[in-house]
Protein backbone atom coordinates (compact mmCIF):
# COMPACT_ATOMS: atom_id res chain seq x y z
CA UNK A 1 -13.13 15.51 -4.80
CA UNK A 2 -15.17 15.75 -1.61
CA UNK A 3 -17.78 13.40 -3.07
CA UNK A 4 -15.12 10.69 -3.47
CA UNK A 5 -13.39 10.91 -0.09
CA UNK A 6 -15.83 8.82 1.95
CA UNK A 7 -16.28 6.10 -0.73
CA UNK A 8 -12.51 5.79 -1.18
CA UNK A 9 -11.96 5.58 2.59
CA UNK A 10 -14.55 2.80 2.68
CA UNK A 11 -12.85 1.11 -0.27
CA UNK A 12 -9.60 0.95 1.70
CA UNK A 13 -11.28 -0.75 4.66
CA UNK A 14 -13.20 -3.20 2.49
CA UNK A 15 -10.11 -4.09 0.43
CA UNK A 16 -8.02 -4.78 3.53
CA UNK A 17 -10.81 -6.87 5.04
CA UNK A 18 -11.20 -8.96 1.87
CA UNK A 19 -7.53 -9.41 1.02
CA UNK A 20 -5.99 -9.90 4.46
CA UNK A 21 -6.59 -13.67 4.39
CA UNK A 22 -4.99 -14.24 0.97
CA UNK A 23 -1.32 -14.05 1.97
CA UNK A 24 -1.65 -16.38 5.01
CA UNK A 25 -3.71 -18.81 2.91
CA UNK A 26 -1.16 -18.91 0.10
CA UNK A 27 1.83 -19.20 2.42
CA UNK A 28 0.09 -21.85 4.51
CA UNK A 29 -0.70 -23.81 1.37
CA UNK A 30 2.96 -23.74 0.34
CA UNK A 31 3.99 -25.01 3.78
CA UNK A 32 1.40 -27.80 3.78
CA UNK A 33 2.28 -28.95 0.26
CA UNK A 34 5.98 -29.09 1.06
CA UNK A 35 5.35 -31.02 4.27
CA UNK A 36 3.16 -33.41 2.27
CA UNK A 37 6.06 -33.91 -0.15
CA UNK A 38 8.17 -35.11 2.80
CA UNK A 39 5.43 -37.54 3.77
CA UNK A 40 5.11 -38.91 0.23
CA UNK A 41 8.89 -39.20 -0.11
CA UNK A 42 9.26 -41.31 3.01
CA UNK A 43 9.80 -45.04 2.54
CA UNK A 44 8.09 -45.63 5.87
CA UNK A 45 4.58 -44.24 5.81
CA UNK A 46 4.04 -44.46 9.54
CA UNK A 47 7.41 -42.89 10.31
CA UNK A 48 6.77 -40.07 7.85
CA UNK A 49 3.67 -38.97 9.69
CA UNK A 50 5.59 -38.81 12.91
CA UNK A 51 8.37 -36.62 11.56
CA UNK A 52 7.63 -32.92 11.28
CA UNK A 53 9.80 -31.04 8.84
CA UNK A 54 7.94 -27.77 9.39
CA UNK A 55 9.55 -25.29 11.74
CA UNK A 56 9.23 -21.62 12.59
CA UNK A 57 11.66 -19.02 11.36
CA UNK A 58 11.80 -15.73 13.23
CA UNK A 59 12.27 -12.24 11.78
CA UNK A 60 12.78 -9.27 14.07
CA UNK A 61 11.07 -6.35 12.35
CA UNK A 62 12.32 -3.82 14.92
CA UNK A 63 15.49 -4.80 16.81
CA UNK A 64 15.44 -1.48 18.68
CA UNK A 65 12.51 -2.56 20.87
CA UNK A 66 13.93 -3.92 24.18
CA UNK A 67 12.75 -7.51 24.89
CA UNK A 68 11.91 -6.46 28.46
CA UNK A 69 9.29 -4.01 27.19
CA UNK A 70 7.71 -6.79 25.15
CA UNK A 71 7.59 -9.05 28.22
CA UNK A 72 6.04 -6.27 30.31
CA UNK A 73 3.50 -5.56 27.59
CA UNK A 74 4.56 -1.95 27.11
CA UNK A 75 5.69 -2.55 23.52
CA UNK A 76 4.40 -4.81 20.72
CA UNK A 77 6.38 -7.93 19.89
CA UNK A 78 8.42 -7.07 16.78
CA UNK A 79 9.27 -10.70 16.08
CA UNK A 80 7.35 -12.27 13.21
CA UNK A 81 7.29 -16.06 13.20
CA UNK A 82 6.87 -17.68 9.81
CA UNK A 83 6.51 -21.44 9.26
CA UNK A 84 9.03 -22.90 6.82
CA UNK A 85 9.69 -26.43 5.62
CA UNK A 86 13.05 -28.07 5.03
CA UNK A 87 13.92 -28.86 1.44
CA UNK A 88 13.13 -32.39 0.31
CA UNK A 89 16.32 -34.13 -0.85
CA UNK A 90 16.33 -34.84 -4.57
CA UNK A 91 13.15 -32.87 -5.21
CA UNK A 92 12.57 -31.44 -8.67
CA UNK A 93 12.83 -27.65 -8.61
CA UNK A 94 9.72 -25.95 -9.98
CA UNK A 95 9.78 -22.77 -12.03
CA UNK A 96 10.62 -19.83 -9.79
CA UNK A 97 7.82 -17.33 -9.17
CA UNK A 98 8.04 -13.99 -10.92
CA UNK A 99 9.03 -10.87 -9.06
CA UNK A 100 6.28 -8.45 -8.05
CA UNK A 101 6.60 -4.68 -8.09
CA UNK A 102 5.48 -3.41 -4.67
CA UNK A 103 7.02 0.07 -4.89
CA UNK A 104 4.28 2.58 -3.98
CA UNK A 105 3.47 5.19 -6.64
CA UNK A 106 5.00 8.60 -5.83
CA UNK A 107 2.93 11.29 -4.15
CA UNK A 108 2.22 14.27 -6.39
CA UNK A 109 0.32 17.53 -6.02
CA UNK A 110 -1.59 19.69 -8.47
CA UNK A 111 0.51 22.63 -9.66
CA UNK A 112 -2.19 25.27 -9.74
CA UNK A 113 0.26 28.03 -10.62
CA UNK A 114 1.39 26.11 -13.69
CA UNK A 115 -2.22 25.63 -14.80
CA UNK A 116 -2.90 29.34 -14.45
CA UNK A 117 0.35 30.30 -16.18
CA UNK A 118 -0.54 27.93 -19.01
CA UNK A 119 -3.66 30.01 -19.68
CA UNK A 120 -2.16 33.49 -19.32
CA UNK A 121 0.89 34.81 -17.54
CA UNK A 122 -0.95 37.88 -16.27
CA UNK A 123 -3.86 35.96 -14.74
CA UNK A 124 -2.15 35.10 -11.45
CA UNK A 125 -0.99 38.73 -11.08
CA UNK A 126 -4.49 40.00 -11.68
CA UNK A 127 -6.01 37.53 -9.22
CA UNK A 128 -3.40 38.37 -6.60
CA UNK A 129 -4.00 42.10 -7.05
CA UNK A 130 -7.75 41.67 -6.64
CA UNK A 131 -7.25 39.47 -3.56
CA UNK A 132 -4.96 42.08 -1.97
CA UNK A 133 -7.28 45.02 -2.62
CA UNK A 134 -10.42 43.15 -1.51
CA UNK A 135 -8.84 41.62 1.60
CA UNK A 136 -8.56 38.06 0.33
CA UNK A 137 -11.30 37.59 -2.26
CA UNK A 138 -9.91 35.56 -5.17
CA UNK A 139 -11.93 35.31 -8.39
CA UNK A 140 -9.97 32.25 -9.52
CA UNK A 141 -10.45 30.43 -6.21
CA UNK A 142 -14.17 31.14 -6.27
CA UNK A 143 -14.51 29.96 -9.86
CA UNK A 144 -12.51 26.78 -9.22
CA UNK A 145 -14.24 25.86 -5.95
CA UNK A 146 -16.38 23.09 -7.57
CA UNK A 147 -13.24 21.27 -8.78
CA UNK A 148 -10.82 22.20 -6.00
CA UNK A 149 -8.61 19.47 -4.58
CA UNK A 150 -5.56 17.38 -5.35
CA UNK A 151 -6.76 15.17 -8.17
CA UNK A 152 -3.21 13.81 -8.51
CA UNK A 153 -3.94 11.90 -5.31
CA UNK A 154 -6.81 10.18 -7.13
CA UNK A 155 -4.33 9.06 -9.77
CA UNK A 156 -1.91 7.79 -7.12
CA UNK A 157 -4.65 5.80 -5.40
CA UNK A 158 -5.74 4.41 -8.77
CA UNK A 159 -2.17 3.41 -9.64
CA UNK A 160 -1.88 1.66 -6.27
CA UNK A 161 -4.93 -0.48 -6.99
CA UNK A 162 -3.68 -1.07 -10.53
CA UNK A 163 -0.28 -2.29 -9.30
CA UNK A 164 -2.00 -4.46 -6.72
CA UNK A 165 -4.19 -5.96 -9.44
CA UNK A 166 -1.15 -6.73 -11.59
CA UNK A 167 0.49 -8.43 -8.59
CA UNK A 168 -2.55 -10.62 -7.98
CA UNK A 169 -2.68 -11.64 -11.64
CA UNK A 170 1.03 -12.50 -11.54
CA UNK A 171 0.51 -14.68 -8.46
CA UNK A 172 -2.48 -16.34 -10.11
CA UNK A 173 -0.38 -17.13 -13.18
CA UNK A 174 2.42 -18.63 -11.09
CA UNK A 175 -0.09 -20.68 -9.10
CA UNK A 176 -1.58 -22.03 -12.33
CA UNK A 177 1.77 -22.94 -13.87
CA UNK A 178 2.99 -24.51 -10.63
CA UNK A 179 -0.13 -26.66 -10.43
CA UNK A 180 0.39 -27.78 -14.02
CA UNK A 181 3.94 -28.87 -13.19
CA UNK A 182 2.91 -31.14 -10.30
CA UNK A 183 -0.51 -32.29 -11.55
CA UNK A 184 0.89 -35.00 -13.81
CA UNK A 185 2.79 -36.52 -10.86
CA UNK A 186 0.17 -36.34 -8.12
CA UNK A 187 -3.03 -38.38 -8.00
CA UNK A 188 -5.56 -39.33 -5.36
CA UNK A 189 -8.11 -37.55 -3.21
CA UNK A 190 -5.64 -35.00 -1.86
CA UNK A 191 -4.61 -34.08 -5.39
CA UNK A 192 -8.22 -33.73 -6.51
CA UNK A 193 -8.99 -31.53 -3.51
CA UNK A 194 -5.98 -29.34 -4.29
CA UNK A 195 -7.11 -28.93 -7.90
CA UNK A 196 -10.43 -27.50 -6.74
CA UNK A 197 -8.71 -25.30 -4.17
CA UNK A 198 -6.19 -23.98 -6.70
CA UNK A 199 -8.83 -23.21 -9.33
CA UNK A 200 -10.94 -21.25 -6.85
CA UNK A 201 -7.92 -19.36 -5.53
CA UNK A 202 -6.78 -18.43 -9.06
CA UNK A 203 -10.25 -17.19 -9.96
CA UNK A 204 -10.35 -15.09 -6.81
CA UNK A 205 -6.91 -13.61 -7.48
CA UNK A 206 -7.88 -12.80 -11.07
CA UNK A 207 -11.00 -11.05 -9.73
CA UNK A 208 -8.78 -8.84 -7.58
CA UNK A 209 -6.61 -8.19 -10.65
CA UNK A 210 -9.51 -7.07 -12.83
CA UNK A 211 -11.07 -4.94 -10.11
CA UNK A 212 -7.71 -3.25 -9.46
CA UNK A 213 -7.30 -2.32 -13.13
CA UNK A 214 -10.88 -1.04 -13.37
CA UNK A 215 -10.41 1.10 -10.27
CA UNK A 216 -7.24 2.55 -11.79
CA UNK A 217 -9.11 3.39 -15.00
CA UNK A 218 -11.99 5.01 -13.16
CA UNK A 219 -9.98 7.08 -10.68
CA UNK A 220 -7.45 8.16 -13.31
CA UNK A 221 -10.17 9.26 -15.70
CA UNK A 222 -11.98 11.16 -12.93
CA UNK A 223 -8.70 12.95 -12.18
CA UNK A 224 -8.23 13.77 -15.87
CA UNK A 225 -11.73 15.21 -16.10
CA UNK A 226 -11.20 17.31 -12.97
CA UNK A 227 -8.04 18.71 -14.53
CA UNK A 228 -9.68 19.42 -17.89
CA UNK A 229 -12.63 21.11 -16.18
CA UNK A 230 -10.30 23.24 -14.08
CA UNK A 231 -8.38 24.31 -17.20
CA UNK A 232 -11.64 25.20 -18.94
CA UNK A 233 -12.82 27.27 -15.97
CA UNK A 234 -9.48 29.10 -15.80
CA UNK A 235 -9.82 29.88 -19.50
CA UNK A 236 -13.33 31.26 -18.90
CA UNK A 237 -12.04 33.47 -16.06
CA UNK A 238 -9.24 34.73 -18.30
CA UNK A 239 -11.67 35.65 -21.06
CA UNK A 240 -14.03 37.25 -18.55
CA UNK A 241 -11.36 39.42 -16.96
CA UNK A 242 -10.00 40.31 -20.37
CA UNK A 243 -13.46 41.49 -21.37
CA UNK A 244 -13.85 43.72 -18.31
CA UNK A 245 -10.55 45.47 -18.88
CA UNK A 246 -7.88 44.94 -21.49
CA UNK A 247 -5.29 42.76 -19.79
CA UNK A 248 -2.54 41.10 -21.80
CA UNK A 249 0.60 41.70 -19.73
CA UNK A 250 1.90 42.31 -16.24
CA UNK A 251 1.52 46.05 -16.89
CA UNK A 252 -2.08 45.48 -17.87
CA UNK A 253 -2.66 43.57 -14.64
CA UNK A 254 -1.38 46.54 -12.65
CA UNK A 255 -3.66 48.88 -14.60
CA UNK A 256 -6.60 46.67 -13.80
CA UNK A 257 -5.60 46.57 -10.13
CA UNK A 258 -5.55 50.38 -10.13
CA UNK A 259 -9.32 50.33 -10.72
CA UNK A 260 -9.77 48.76 -7.29
CA UNK A 261 -9.57 51.94 -5.26
CA UNK A 262 -11.24 52.63 -1.90
CA UNK A 263 -14.87 53.60 -2.02
CA UNK A 264 -17.28 53.26 -4.91
CA UNK A 265 -14.54 52.36 -7.36
CA UNK A 266 -13.76 49.12 -5.54
CA UNK A 267 -17.42 48.20 -5.14
CA UNK A 268 -18.15 48.83 -8.79
CA UNK A 269 -15.16 46.82 -9.97
CA UNK A 270 -15.97 43.94 -7.60
CA UNK A 271 -19.53 43.94 -8.90
CA UNK A 272 -18.22 43.67 -12.46
CA UNK A 273 -15.99 40.74 -11.55
CA UNK A 274 -18.82 39.09 -9.61
CA UNK A 275 -21.09 39.31 -12.65
CA UNK A 276 -18.32 37.80 -14.72
CA UNK A 277 -17.93 34.90 -12.27
CA UNK A 278 -21.67 34.25 -12.41
CA UNK A 279 -21.36 33.97 -16.18
CA UNK A 280 -18.39 31.62 -15.73
CA UNK A 281 -20.37 29.44 -13.32
CA UNK A 282 -23.31 29.31 -15.74
CA UNK A 283 -21.05 28.40 -18.65
CA UNK A 284 -19.33 25.74 -16.54
CA UNK A 285 -22.60 24.12 -15.38
CA UNK A 286 -22.68 21.62 -18.24
CA UNK A 287 -19.04 20.64 -17.64
CA UNK A 288 -19.64 20.22 -13.90
CA UNK A 289 -22.76 18.14 -14.59
CA UNK A 290 -20.81 15.83 -16.90
CA UNK A 291 -18.00 15.61 -14.36
CA UNK A 292 -20.41 14.70 -11.56
CA UNK A 293 -21.98 11.99 -13.71
CA UNK A 294 -18.54 10.40 -14.10
CA UNK A 295 -17.78 10.71 -10.39
CA UNK A 296 -21.16 9.17 -9.50
CA UNK A 297 -20.37 6.26 -11.84
CA UNK A 298 -17.02 5.75 -10.08
CA UNK A 299 -18.80 5.85 -6.70
CA UNK A 300 -21.17 3.13 -7.90
CA UNK A 301 -18.27 0.88 -8.90
CA UNK A 302 -16.55 1.53 -5.56
CA UNK A 303 -19.79 0.49 -3.80
CA UNK A 304 -19.69 -2.73 -5.83
CA UNK A 305 -16.04 -3.36 -4.85
CA UNK A 306 -16.79 -2.70 -1.19
CA UNK A 307 -19.48 -5.39 -1.07
CA UNK A 308 -19.82 -7.30 -4.36
CA UNK A 309 -22.12 -9.92 -2.84
CA UNK A 310 -24.44 -7.36 -1.28
CA UNK A 311 -24.38 -5.23 -4.45
CA UNK A 312 -25.39 -8.20 -6.59
CA UNK A 313 -28.13 -9.14 -4.09
CA UNK A 314 -28.62 -12.50 -5.74
CA UNK A 315 -29.18 -11.18 -9.26
CA UNK A 316 -27.68 -12.64 -12.42
CA UNK A 317 -24.33 -11.51 -13.77
CA UNK A 318 -26.00 -9.59 -16.61
CA UNK A 319 -28.04 -7.60 -14.09
CA UNK A 320 -24.85 -6.60 -12.28
CA UNK A 321 -23.36 -5.50 -15.60
CA UNK A 322 -26.43 -3.36 -16.26
CA UNK A 323 -26.10 -1.63 -12.88
CA UNK A 324 -22.43 -0.96 -13.58
CA UNK A 325 -23.02 0.20 -17.16
CA UNK A 326 -22.67 3.94 -16.31
CA UNK A 327 -19.20 3.14 -14.98
CA UNK A 328 -18.15 0.93 -17.89
CA UNK A 329 -19.44 3.56 -20.32
CA UNK A 330 -17.46 6.19 -18.42
CA UNK A 331 -14.17 4.29 -18.73
CA UNK A 332 -14.81 2.95 -22.22
CA UNK A 333 -11.55 3.03 -24.16
CA UNK A 334 -11.56 1.77 -27.73
CA UNK A 335 -7.76 1.58 -27.63
CA UNK A 336 -7.92 -1.10 -24.95
CA UNK A 337 -11.42 -2.48 -25.48
CA UNK A 338 -10.41 -6.15 -25.29
CA UNK A 339 -8.84 -5.82 -21.83
CA UNK A 340 -11.80 -3.78 -20.62
CA UNK A 341 -14.31 -6.43 -21.73
CA UNK A 342 -12.23 -9.14 -20.05
CA UNK A 343 -11.92 -7.22 -16.79
CA UNK A 344 -15.61 -6.31 -16.64
CA UNK A 345 -16.56 -9.92 -17.34
CA UNK A 346 -14.25 -11.17 -14.59
CA UNK A 347 -15.25 -8.50 -12.06
CA UNK A 348 -18.97 -9.16 -12.43
CA UNK A 349 -18.54 -12.89 -11.68
CA UNK A 350 -19.33 -12.39 -8.01
CA UNK A 351 -19.12 -16.15 -7.32
CA UNK A 352 -15.35 -15.79 -7.75
CA UNK A 353 -15.34 -13.78 -4.52
CA UNK A 354 -17.54 -16.13 -2.54
CA UNK A 355 -15.53 -19.18 -3.65
CA UNK A 356 -12.08 -17.71 -2.91
CA UNK A 357 -10.45 -19.79 -0.14
CA UNK A 358 -9.73 -17.84 3.05
CA UNK A 359 -7.61 -20.56 4.67
CA UNK A 360 -4.68 -22.68 3.54
CA UNK A 361 -5.15 -25.91 1.62
CA UNK A 362 -4.63 -28.88 3.92
CA UNK A 363 -3.89 -32.25 2.31
CA UNK A 364 -4.35 -33.97 5.63
CA UNK A 365 -1.90 -35.75 7.88
CA UNK A 366 -3.57 -39.12 8.32
CA UNK A 367 -4.81 -41.82 6.02
CA UNK A 368 -6.57 -39.24 3.83
CA UNK A 369 -3.18 -38.08 2.59
CA UNK A 370 -2.64 -41.45 0.91
CA UNK A 371 -6.24 -42.15 -0.03
CA UNK A 372 -6.28 -43.40 -3.64
CA UNK A 373 -2.63 -42.40 -3.89
CA UNK A 374 -0.77 -44.72 -6.28
């Protein structure tokens, strides 16, 4: 878990930096297209250019902030000003965009007690007894130290990126269908320019969609492996303690605890448990090594997401795929192989990122708006 904290923190910053221009660009494009519709609908071309149908609509995000504090600069302005365009009379209504699920995934925590109980009901009692009689030393905590942490948080973060990816794909689909609806009725240079803009935006949004799904796969699988490794280690501790002294019930746990008496008895018993934990650690080495290989693969993909252009460093798409192969092998799922191949193919097309528009499409407000317009 500790190995993933810094990369995931960096992923957050990089994602915000890359995506923060998308919403203003898309909204600005909608405003500019609707204003252009007013211009095209006017019977007087010169008059149309002089009439602005775009205005600002204000939303107060926090009405409890006194206006005086905003004026004095002691509080941020809670008013958000969004440009909107009046409806064009008689305009054909396009297909409404689909709703997007923006509800954040719930926060969950690992139920360690349930995991221990699942292995053996007496194990927690035995561990607690040892911790009490040795002033806080817990065999289970020591054995689980390599996989300690709340891996459910990894799943939540993964689900967040997955939902975000689904949202971007939905927007891309609506943008594509909307373009198809107006394309047959709009010609000229402005229309051609919009076609190129729309295609590049859709490709960029689909890139975000694929990357979001791949991140969800990777983080979710890493969480699953952490859980499976923890369960395996708990099982090893149970077998080890059971070998030292017969323990199969709460009564047995108390009998084992009775061995931890002041003096040599405690030292001898602690030495036995310590030897057992060394055996557990040795047996768990292969599992930990496999787990770390998966986590390293996830870290490599996160590094790619943080800076896809820098990661590719000018190499061909196939070279990027080769560098990401440990990650794609890690998340390989034969049950959903087709989607995986599609997402990997889309994600490794780095030119999608570089070509994604960061500003709104502008059809122009002068003669260029009507250039070659029938």
